[in-house]
Amino acid sequence: MAIPALPPALVSLVSRLAAHYISNRRARYFPAAEHLSDRQMTAMAGYFSKPLLNDTRLLVLVDRRVGNPAFYSMLRTIGFTNLLDQSTMAAITFSDTVVAHVPFTDELLFHELVHVEQYRQLGIRRFADLYVRGFLNGGGYDAIPLERNAYLMGDRYEQDRDTPFSVAEVVAAWISEGRF
């Protein structure tokens, strides 16, 4: 599916709007979100730093969904048909706050914590910019480098839980190699 080409100024605007959306959703959901459970902390301890695990908050929504960004209407008007529907995603990470529509499994939590680490190293504005540009350059969700990074590490986690690795180091390597 072809994605409409956007002029650089519009790409920058969408990136700023995405960062604003992320910040607003984080502010909205953080107060109701909770710390990881002791069991979740133990399961993730070999992969993520203790400060990241302590600072991350989780929220499972019941009978409601995360809404799509307001700027989606603008993107639909210029021809986008494959935008990510936030309400159908299992979980969405807003910086250090993970909001889910389903109960957290270890696999889902791991994937979302990779995004928390990406935000930690990149910041909201840079994360949003890379996510938007990855979507535009790759033609959709599956080609976004931030997602590919999380899925590759998730596969590694699922295939061998007896050999922990540092997610922070892998994310830092991708950043230094310009892979995002």
N, C-alpha and C. Protein backbone atom coordinates (compact mmCIF):
# COMPACT_ATOMS: atom_id res chain seq x y z
N MET A 1 0.84 -1.17 0.00
CA MET A 1 0.00 0.00 0.00
C MET A 1 0.89 1.24 0.00
N ALA A 2 0.64 2.12 -0.91
CA ALA A 2 1.43 3.35 -1.01
C ALA A 2 1.00 4.35 0.04
N ILE A 3 1.99 5.00 0.63
CA ILE A 3 1.74 6.06 1.60
C ILE A 3 2.00 7.38 0.89
N PRO A 4 1.10 8.34 1.03
CA PRO A 4 1.33 9.63 0.37
C PRO A 4 2.65 10.25 0.81
N ALA A 5 3.34 10.86 -0.15
CA ALA A 5 4.59 11.57 0.16
C ALA A 5 4.22 12.90 0.81
N LEU A 6 4.88 13.24 1.88
CA LEU A 6 4.62 14.49 2.57
C LEU A 6 5.83 15.41 2.46
N PRO A 7 5.59 16.70 2.29
CA PRO A 7 6.71 17.64 2.30
C PRO A 7 7.36 17.67 3.68
N PRO A 8 8.65 17.99 3.76
CA PRO A 8 9.36 17.98 5.04
C PRO A 8 8.67 18.79 6.15
N ALA A 9 8.10 19.93 5.81
CA ALA A 9 7.43 20.75 6.83
C ALA A 9 6.23 20.02 7.42
N LEU A 10 5.51 19.25 6.60
CA LEU A 10 4.36 18.51 7.10
C LEU A 10 4.80 17.31 7.93
N VAL A 11 5.90 16.68 7.54
CA VAL A 11 6.45 15.57 8.35
C VAL A 11 6.84 16.10 9.72
N SER A 12 7.49 17.24 9.77
CA SER A 12 7.87 17.85 11.06
C SER A 12 6.64 18.18 11.89
N LEU A 13 5.60 18.71 11.26
CA LEU A 13 4.37 19.02 11.98
C LEU A 13 3.75 17.77 12.57
N VAL A 14 3.65 16.72 11.78
CA VAL A 14 3.06 15.46 12.26
C VAL A 14 3.90 14.90 13.42
N SER A 15 5.21 15.00 13.32
CA SER A 15 6.08 14.53 14.40
C SER A 15 5.82 15.32 15.69
N ARG A 16 5.67 16.64 15.56
CA ARG A 16 5.38 17.47 16.75
C ARG A 16 4.01 17.14 17.33
N LEU A 17 3.04 16.93 16.45
CA LEU A 17 1.69 16.56 16.91
C LEU A 17 1.70 15.20 17.61
N ALA A 18 2.48 14.27 17.08
CA ALA A 18 2.60 12.95 17.71
C ALA A 18 3.24 13.07 19.10
N ALA A 19 4.28 13.89 19.23
CA ALA A 19 4.93 14.10 20.53
C ALA A 19 3.95 14.72 21.52
N HIS A 20 3.16 15.66 21.06
CA HIS A 20 2.15 16.30 21.91
C HIS A 20 1.11 15.27 22.37
N TYR A 21 0.66 14.43 21.45
CA TYR A 21 -0.30 13.37 21.77
C TYR A 21 0.28 12.42 22.83
N ILE A 22 1.51 12.00 22.63
CA ILE A 22 2.17 11.10 23.58
C ILE A 22 2.24 11.74 24.97
N SER A 23 2.69 12.98 25.02
CA SER A 23 2.81 13.69 26.31
C SER A 23 1.46 13.83 26.99
N ASN A 24 0.45 14.18 26.22
CA ASN A 24 -0.89 14.33 26.80
C ASN A 24 -1.45 13.01 27.31
N ARG A 25 -1.27 11.93 26.56
CA ARG A 25 -1.77 10.62 26.99
C ARG A 25 -1.00 10.14 28.23
N ARG A 26 0.29 10.40 28.25
CA ARG A 26 1.07 10.02 29.42
C ARG A 26 0.53 10.75 30.66
N ALA A 27 0.30 12.04 30.54
CA ALA A 27 -0.23 12.83 31.66
C ALA A 27 -1.62 12.35 32.08
N ARG A 28 -2.41 11.92 31.12
CA ARG A 28 -3.76 11.45 31.43
C ARG A 28 -3.76 10.13 32.17
N TYR A 29 -2.93 9.18 31.72
CA TYR A 29 -2.99 7.82 32.26
C TYR A 29 -2.05 7.56 33.44
N PHE A 30 -0.98 8.30 33.55
CA PHE A 30 0.00 8.05 34.61
C PHE A 30 -0.60 8.03 36.01
N PRO A 31 -1.46 8.99 36.37
CA PRO A 31 -1.99 8.99 37.74
C PRO A 31 -2.75 7.72 38.13
N ALA A 32 -3.38 7.05 37.18
CA ALA A 32 -4.14 5.83 37.49
C ALA A 32 -3.32 4.56 37.32
N ALA A 33 -2.15 4.68 36.73
CA ALA A 33 -1.31 3.51 36.46
C ALA A 33 -0.58 3.06 37.72
N GLU A 34 -0.19 1.80 37.73
CA GLU A 34 0.44 1.20 38.91
C GLU A 34 1.85 0.71 38.58
N HIS A 35 2.62 0.51 39.63
CA HIS A 35 3.96 -0.08 39.50
C HIS A 35 3.84 -1.51 38.98
N LEU A 36 4.92 -2.01 38.42
CA LEU A 36 4.97 -3.41 38.06
C LEU A 36 4.82 -4.24 39.33
N SER A 37 4.22 -5.40 39.21
CA SER A 37 4.10 -6.30 40.36
C SER A 37 5.47 -6.90 40.67
N ASP A 38 5.59 -7.49 41.84
CA ASP A 38 6.85 -8.16 42.19
C ASP A 38 7.18 -9.25 41.18
N ARG A 39 6.18 -10.00 40.73
CA ARG A 39 6.41 -11.06 39.76
C ARG A 39 6.89 -10.48 38.43
N GLN A 40 6.29 -9.38 37.98
CA GLN A 40 6.72 -8.74 36.74
C GLN A 40 8.14 -8.19 36.87
N MET A 41 8.43 -7.60 38.02
CA MET A 41 9.78 -7.07 38.26
C MET A 41 10.81 -8.20 38.15
N THR A 42 10.52 -9.31 38.76
CA THR A 42 11.44 -10.45 38.74
C THR A 42 11.61 -10.99 37.31
N ALA A 43 10.51 -11.10 36.58
CA ALA A 43 10.57 -11.65 35.22
C ALA A 43 11.38 -10.75 34.27
N MET A 44 11.37 -9.45 34.51
CA MET A 44 12.04 -8.51 33.61
C MET A 44 13.41 -8.05 34.10
N ALA A 45 13.78 -8.45 35.31
CA ALA A 45 14.99 -7.93 35.95
C ALA A 45 16.28 -8.15 35.17
N GLY A 46 16.44 -9.23 34.48
CA GLY A 46 17.68 -9.50 33.77
C GLY A 46 17.84 -8.72 32.47
N TYR A 47 16.80 -8.02 32.08
CA TYR A 47 16.77 -7.35 30.78
C TYR A 47 16.74 -5.83 30.87
N PHE A 48 16.15 -5.34 31.93
CA PHE A 48 15.94 -3.90 32.09
C PHE A 48 16.52 -3.44 33.42
N SER A 49 16.94 -2.18 33.46
CA SER A 49 17.52 -1.63 34.69
C SER A 49 16.47 -1.50 35.78
N LYS A 50 16.93 -1.57 37.00
CA LYS A 50 16.01 -1.42 38.14
C LYS A 50 15.33 -0.06 38.12
N PRO A 51 16.05 1.05 37.84
CA PRO A 51 15.35 2.33 37.77
C PRO A 51 14.24 2.37 36.72
N LEU A 52 14.47 1.79 35.55
CA LEU A 52 13.43 1.76 34.52
C LEU A 52 12.22 0.98 35.02
N LEU A 53 12.47 -0.19 35.62
CA LEU A 53 11.36 -1.00 36.12
C LEU A 53 10.62 -0.29 37.25
N ASN A 54 11.35 0.41 38.11
CA ASN A 54 10.72 1.13 39.21
C ASN A 54 9.90 2.33 38.72
N ASP A 55 10.35 2.97 37.65
CA ASP A 55 9.70 4.19 37.17
C ASP A 55 8.52 3.93 36.23
N THR A 56 8.47 2.75 35.62
CA THR A 56 7.42 2.44 34.66
C THR A 56 6.11 2.16 35.38
N ARG A 57 5.04 2.63 34.76
CA ARG A 57 3.69 2.41 35.30
C ARG A 57 2.87 1.67 34.26
N LEU A 58 1.96 0.81 34.73
CA LEU A 58 1.10 0.00 33.87
C LEU A 58 -0.37 0.27 34.19
N LEU A 59 -1.18 0.26 33.16
CA LEU A 59 -2.62 0.44 33.33
C LEU A 59 -3.33 -0.43 32.32
N VAL A 60 -4.24 -1.27 32.81
CA VAL A 60 -5.10 -2.06 31.92
C VAL A 60 -6.47 -1.38 31.93
N LEU A 61 -6.89 -0.93 30.75
CA LEU A 61 -8.19 -0.29 30.64
C LEU A 61 -9.29 -1.35 30.58
N VAL A 62 -10.36 -1.09 31.28
CA VAL A 62 -11.52 -1.98 31.28
C VAL A 62 -12.70 -1.18 30.76
N ASP A 63 -13.37 -1.69 29.75
CA ASP A 63 -14.55 -1.05 29.17
C ASP A 63 -14.28 0.32 28.55
N ARG A 64 -13.06 0.58 28.17
CA ARG A 64 -12.74 1.81 27.43
C ARG A 64 -11.47 1.56 26.63
N ARG A 65 -11.19 2.44 25.70
CA ARG A 65 -10.06 2.29 24.79
C ARG A 65 -9.30 3.59 24.66
N VAL A 66 -8.03 3.49 24.32
CA VAL A 66 -7.24 4.68 24.00
C VAL A 66 -7.75 5.20 22.66
N GLY A 67 -8.01 6.48 22.59
CA GLY A 67 -8.50 7.08 21.36
C GLY A 67 -7.37 7.44 20.41
N ASN A 68 -7.71 7.54 19.15
CA ASN A 68 -6.73 7.93 18.14
C ASN A 68 -6.42 9.42 18.24
N PRO A 69 -5.23 9.82 17.80
CA PRO A 69 -4.86 11.24 17.83
C PRO A 69 -5.79 12.07 16.94
N ALA A 70 -6.03 13.31 17.34
CA ALA A 70 -6.88 14.22 16.57
C ALA A 70 -6.31 14.48 15.18
N PHE A 71 -4.98 14.44 15.05
CA PHE A 71 -4.39 14.75 13.74
C PHE A 71 -4.61 13.64 12.71
N TYR A 72 -5.16 12.50 13.11
CA TYR A 72 -5.48 11.45 12.15
C TYR A 72 -6.44 11.95 11.07
N SER A 73 -7.39 12.79 11.44
CA SER A 73 -8.36 13.27 10.44
C SER A 73 -7.65 14.03 9.32
N MET A 74 -6.63 14.82 9.67
CA MET A 74 -5.85 15.54 8.67
C MET A 74 -5.15 14.54 7.75
N LEU A 75 -4.56 13.50 8.34
CA LEU A 75 -3.82 12.52 7.54
C LEU A 75 -4.76 11.72 6.63
N ARG A 76 -5.95 11.40 7.12
CA ARG A 76 -6.92 10.70 6.27
C ARG A 76 -7.32 11.57 5.08
N THR A 77 -7.47 12.86 5.33
CA THR A 77 -7.86 13.80 4.27
C THR A 77 -6.84 13.82 3.14
N ILE A 78 -5.55 13.63 3.47
CA ILE A 78 -4.53 13.67 2.41
C ILE A 78 -4.19 12.27 1.87
N GLY A 79 -4.98 11.27 2.29
CA GLY A 79 -4.87 9.97 1.64
C GLY A 79 -4.34 8.81 2.45
N PHE A 80 -4.10 8.99 3.73
CA PHE A 80 -3.62 7.87 4.54
C PHE A 80 -4.78 6.94 4.88
N THR A 81 -4.59 5.66 4.60
CA THR A 81 -5.64 4.68 4.87
C THR A 81 -5.19 3.59 5.84
N ASN A 82 -3.91 3.57 6.19
CA ASN A 82 -3.39 2.49 7.03
C ASN A 82 -2.85 3.00 8.37
N LEU A 83 -3.48 4.01 8.93
CA LEU A 83 -3.05 4.54 10.23
C LEU A 83 -3.30 3.52 11.32
N LEU A 84 -2.45 3.55 12.34
CA LEU A 84 -2.59 2.62 13.45
C LEU A 84 -3.81 2.98 14.29
N ASP A 85 -4.72 2.05 14.45
CA ASP A 85 -5.90 2.28 15.28
C ASP A 85 -5.54 1.95 16.72
N GLN A 86 -5.36 2.98 17.52
CA GLN A 86 -4.93 2.80 18.91
C GLN A 86 -5.88 1.88 19.68
N SER A 87 -7.15 1.92 19.36
CA SER A 87 -8.14 1.14 20.12
C SER A 87 -8.03 -0.35 19.88
N THR A 88 -7.34 -0.76 18.82
CA THR A 88 -7.22 -2.20 18.53
C THR A 88 -5.88 -2.78 18.96
N MET A 89 -4.99 -1.94 19.42
CA MET A 89 -3.66 -2.42 19.81
C MET A 89 -3.74 -3.06 21.20
N ALA A 90 -2.94 -4.09 21.42
CA ALA A 90 -2.92 -4.74 22.73
C ALA A 90 -2.46 -3.77 23.81
N ALA A 91 -1.44 -2.99 23.50
CA ALA A 91 -0.92 -2.01 24.46
C ALA A 91 -0.22 -0.89 23.71
N ILE A 92 -0.12 0.25 24.37
CA ILE A 92 0.53 1.43 23.80
C ILE A 92 1.38 2.05 24.90
N THR A 93 2.62 2.40 24.55
CA THR A 93 3.53 3.00 25.52
C THR A 93 3.60 4.50 25.30
N PHE A 94 3.35 5.23 26.37
CA PHE A 94 3.46 6.69 26.38
C PHE A 94 4.59 7.05 27.34
N SER A 95 5.79 7.01 26.83
CA SER A 95 7.01 7.28 27.59
C SER A 95 7.22 6.22 28.67
N ASP A 96 6.92 6.52 29.92
CA ASP A 96 7.11 5.56 31.01
C ASP A 96 5.78 4.96 31.49
N THR A 97 4.72 5.16 30.71
CA THR A 97 3.39 4.68 31.08
C THR A 97 2.86 3.78 29.97
N VAL A 98 2.57 2.54 30.31
CA VAL A 98 2.08 1.57 29.34
C VAL A 98 0.60 1.33 29.61
N VAL A 99 -0.21 1.57 28.59
CA VAL A 99 -1.65 1.39 28.70
C VAL A 99 -2.04 0.21 27.82
N ALA A 100 -2.75 -0.75 28.43
CA ALA A 100 -3.11 -1.97 27.71
C ALA A 100 -4.62 -2.12 27.62
N HIS A 101 -5.05 -2.82 26.59
CA HIS A 101 -6.46 -3.17 26.42
C HIS A 101 -6.69 -4.62 26.80
N VAL A 102 -5.62 -5.32 27.11
CA VAL A 102 -5.67 -6.73 27.51
C VAL A 102 -4.75 -6.91 28.72
N PRO A 103 -4.94 -7.98 29.48
CA PRO A 103 -4.01 -8.23 30.59
C PRO A 103 -2.58 -8.41 30.07
N PHE A 104 -1.61 -7.99 30.88
CA PHE A 104 -0.21 -8.10 30.49
C PHE A 104 0.28 -9.53 30.60
N THR A 105 0.82 -10.04 29.51
CA THR A 105 1.62 -11.27 29.54
C THR A 105 3.07 -10.81 29.66
N ASP A 106 3.97 -11.73 29.98
CA ASP A 106 5.39 -11.37 30.02
C ASP A 106 5.87 -10.90 28.64
N GLU A 107 5.37 -11.53 27.59
CA GLU A 107 5.79 -11.18 26.24
C GLU A 107 5.34 -9.76 25.87
N LEU A 108 4.11 -9.43 26.18
CA LEU A 108 3.60 -8.10 25.89
C LEU A 108 4.33 -7.06 26.74
N LEU A 109 4.52 -7.36 28.01
CA LEU A 109 5.23 -6.43 28.89
C LEU A 109 6.65 -6.20 28.39
N PHE A 110 7.33 -7.25 27.99
CA PHE A 110 8.70 -7.11 27.48
C PHE A 110 8.72 -6.15 26.30
N HIS A 111 7.84 -6.38 25.32
CA HIS A 111 7.81 -5.53 24.13
C HIS A 111 7.60 -4.07 24.51
N GLU A 112 6.66 -3.82 25.38
CA GLU A 112 6.36 -2.43 25.76
C GLU A 112 7.49 -1.82 26.58
N LEU A 113 8.16 -2.61 27.39
CA LEU A 113 9.30 -2.09 28.15
C LEU A 113 10.47 -1.73 27.23
N VAL A 114 10.59 -2.42 26.11
CA VAL A 114 11.61 -2.01 25.12
C VAL A 114 11.30 -0.58 24.68
N HIS A 115 10.03 -0.29 24.44
CA HIS A 115 9.65 1.07 24.06
C HIS A 115 9.94 2.06 25.18
N VAL A 116 9.72 1.66 26.43
CA VAL A 116 10.06 2.55 27.55
C VAL A 116 11.55 2.88 27.51
N GLU A 117 12.38 1.88 27.25
CA GLU A 117 13.83 2.11 27.14
C GLU A 117 14.15 3.01 25.95
N GLN A 118 13.49 2.80 24.83
CA GLN A 118 13.70 3.66 23.68
C GLN A 118 13.36 5.11 24.02
N TYR A 119 12.24 5.32 24.68
CA TYR A 119 11.87 6.67 25.12
C TYR A 119 12.91 7.22 26.08
N ARG A 120 13.39 6.39 26.99
CA ARG A 120 14.38 6.84 27.97
C ARG A 120 15.62 7.38 27.28
N GLN A 121 16.06 6.69 26.25
CA GLN A 121 17.28 7.12 25.57
C GLN A 121 17.05 8.22 24.54
N LEU A 122 15.88 8.25 23.93
CA LEU A 122 15.62 9.20 22.85
C LEU A 122 14.83 10.44 23.30
N GLY A 123 14.03 10.31 24.32
CA GLY A 123 13.10 11.38 24.70
C GLY A 123 11.84 11.31 23.85
N ILE A 124 10.79 11.94 24.31
CA ILE A 124 9.50 11.86 23.62
C ILE A 124 9.57 12.47 22.23
N ARG A 125 10.16 13.64 22.10
CA ARG A 125 10.16 14.31 20.78
C ARG A 125 10.91 13.51 19.73
N ARG A 126 12.09 12.99 20.09
CA ARG A 126 12.88 12.23 19.11
C ARG A 126 12.20 10.89 18.82
N PHE A 127 11.67 10.23 19.85
CA PHE A 127 10.95 8.98 19.64
C PHE A 127 9.80 9.21 18.65
N ALA A 128 8.99 10.25 18.90
CA ALA A 128 7.84 10.54 18.04
C ALA A 128 8.31 10.81 16.61
N ASP A 129 9.37 11.58 16.45
CA ASP A 129 9.88 11.89 15.12
C ASP A 129 10.34 10.62 14.40
N LEU A 130 11.08 9.78 15.09
CA LEU A 130 11.55 8.53 14.47
C LEU A 130 10.40 7.59 14.16
N TYR A 131 9.40 7.56 15.01
CA TYR A 131 8.24 6.69 14.77
C TYR A 131 7.49 7.15 13.53
N VAL A 132 7.21 8.45 13.44
CA VAL A 132 6.50 9.01 12.29
C VAL A 132 7.31 8.77 11.01
N ARG A 133 8.58 9.10 11.04
CA ARG A 133 9.42 8.93 9.85
C ARG A 133 9.57 7.46 9.47
N GLY A 134 9.66 6.58 10.47
CA GLY A 134 9.72 5.15 10.19
C GLY A 134 8.46 4.65 9.51
N PHE A 135 7.31 5.13 9.99
CA PHE A 135 6.03 4.77 9.38
C PHE A 135 5.97 5.26 7.94
N LEU A 136 6.33 6.51 7.72
CA LEU A 136 6.28 7.09 6.38
C LEU A 136 7.27 6.44 5.42
N ASN A 137 8.49 6.23 5.88
CA ASN A 137 9.54 5.66 5.01
C ASN A 137 9.32 4.18 4.74
N GLY A 138 8.76 3.48 5.71
CA GLY A 138 8.62 2.04 5.56
C GLY A 138 7.29 1.59 4.99
N GLY A 139 6.32 2.48 4.95
CA GLY A 139 5.03 2.12 4.38
C GLY A 139 4.03 1.57 5.37
N GLY A 140 4.35 1.61 6.65
CA GLY A 140 3.39 1.12 7.63
C GLY A 140 4.04 0.67 8.92
N TYR A 141 3.24 0.14 9.81
CA TYR A 141 3.64 -0.25 11.15
C TYR A 141 4.79 -1.25 11.17
N ASP A 142 4.68 -2.30 10.38
CA ASP A 142 5.66 -3.39 10.42
C ASP A 142 7.07 -2.97 10.03
N ALA A 143 7.20 -1.86 9.32
CA ALA A 143 8.52 -1.42 8.87
C ALA A 143 9.12 -0.33 9.76
N ILE A 144 8.43 0.07 10.81
CA ILE A 144 8.95 1.11 11.70
C ILE A 144 10.15 0.53 12.45
N PRO A 145 11.34 1.11 12.31
CA PRO A 145 12.52 0.56 12.98
C PRO A 145 12.38 0.43 14.49
N LEU A 146 11.70 1.36 15.15
CA LEU A 146 11.50 1.24 16.60
C LEU A 146 10.70 -0.03 16.93
N GLU A 147 9.74 -0.36 16.11
CA GLU A 147 8.96 -1.59 16.31
C GLU A 147 9.78 -2.82 15.98
N ARG A 148 10.52 -2.75 14.88
CA ARG A 148 11.36 -3.90 14.50
C ARG A 148 12.35 -4.22 15.63
N ASN A 149 12.94 -3.18 16.20
CA ASN A 149 13.87 -3.34 17.32
C ASN A 149 13.18 -4.07 18.48
N ALA A 150 11.98 -3.63 18.83
CA ALA A 150 11.25 -4.24 19.94
C ALA A 150 10.85 -5.68 19.62
N TYR A 151 10.42 -5.94 18.40
CA TYR A 151 10.03 -7.30 18.04
C TYR A 151 11.23 -8.24 17.97
N LEU A 152 12.36 -7.76 17.45
CA LEU A 152 13.55 -8.61 17.40
C LEU A 152 14.01 -9.00 18.81
N MET A 153 14.02 -8.02 19.72
CA MET A 153 14.41 -8.35 21.09
C MET A 153 13.36 -9.22 21.76
N GLY A 154 12.10 -9.00 21.45
CA GLY A 154 11.04 -9.85 21.99
C GLY A 154 11.19 -11.29 21.55
N ASP A 155 11.55 -11.49 20.29
CA ASP A 155 11.80 -12.85 19.79
C ASP A 155 12.96 -13.48 20.54
N ARG A 156 14.01 -12.71 20.73
CA ARG A 156 15.19 -13.21 21.46
C ARG A 156 14.80 -13.60 22.89
N TYR A 157 14.02 -12.76 23.53
CA TYR A 157 13.53 -13.02 24.90
C TYR A 157 12.70 -14.30 24.94
N GLU A 158 11.79 -14.45 24.01
CA GLU A 158 10.89 -15.61 24.01
C GLU A 158 11.62 -16.91 23.69
N GLN A 159 12.68 -16.83 22.87
CA GLN A 159 13.39 -18.03 22.47
C GLN A 159 14.35 -18.54 23.53
N ASP A 160 14.86 -17.65 24.39
CA ASP A 160 15.85 -18.08 25.38
C ASP A 160 15.78 -17.20 26.63
N ARG A 161 14.86 -17.54 27.50
CA ARG A 161 14.69 -16.76 28.73
C ARG A 161 15.74 -17.06 29.79
N ASP A 162 16.59 -18.02 29.50
CA ASP A 162 17.66 -18.36 30.45
C ASP A 162 18.92 -17.54 30.23
N THR A 163 18.96 -16.74 29.17
CA THR A 163 20.14 -15.94 28.87
C THR A 163 19.73 -14.47 28.76
N PRO A 164 19.67 -13.79 29.90
CA PRO A 164 19.28 -12.37 29.86
C PRO A 164 20.29 -11.53 29.07
N PHE A 165 19.83 -10.40 28.59
CA PHE A 165 20.68 -9.45 27.87
C PHE A 165 20.19 -8.05 28.21
N SER A 166 21.05 -7.09 27.99
CA SER A 166 20.72 -5.70 28.31
C SER A 166 19.99 -5.04 27.15
N VAL A 167 18.71 -4.78 27.34
CA VAL A 167 17.92 -4.07 26.33
C VAL A 167 18.51 -2.67 26.11
N ALA A 168 18.94 -2.03 27.19
CA ALA A 168 19.52 -0.68 27.08
C ALA A 168 20.72 -0.67 26.13
N GLU A 169 21.57 -1.69 26.21
CA GLU A 169 22.74 -1.75 25.33
C GLU A 169 22.34 -1.96 23.88
N VAL A 170 21.33 -2.79 23.63
CA VAL A 170 20.89 -3.03 22.26
C VAL A 170 20.28 -1.75 21.68
N VAL A 171 19.44 -1.07 22.46
CA VAL A 171 18.84 0.18 21.98
C VAL A 171 19.95 1.21 21.71
N ALA A 172 20.90 1.33 22.61
CA ALA A 172 22.00 2.28 22.42
C ALA A 172 22.79 1.97 21.16
N ALA A 173 23.01 0.69 20.88
CA ALA A 173 23.73 0.31 19.67
C ALA A 173 22.95 0.71 18.42
N TRP A 174 21.66 0.47 18.42
CA TRP A 174 20.83 0.86 17.26
C TRP A 174 20.89 2.38 17.07
N ILE A 175 20.86 3.12 18.16
CA ILE A 175 20.94 4.58 18.05
C ILE A 175 22.27 5.00 17.45
N SER A 176 23.37 4.45 18.01
CA SER A 176 24.70 4.85 17.53
C SER A 176 24.95 4.43 16.08
N GLU A 177 24.30 3.34 15.65
CA GLU A 177 24.46 2.87 14.27
C GLU A 177 23.46 3.53 13.30
N GLY A 178 22.60 4.40 13.83
CA GLY A 178 21.62 5.08 12.99
C GLY A 178 20.56 4.17 12.42
N ARG A 179 20.22 3.12 13.14
CA ARG A 179 19.27 2.13 12.62
C ARG A 179 17.81 2.50 12.84
N PHE A 180 17.58 3.54 13.62
CA PHE A 180 16.19 4.00 13.82
C PHE A 180 15.86 5.04 12.78
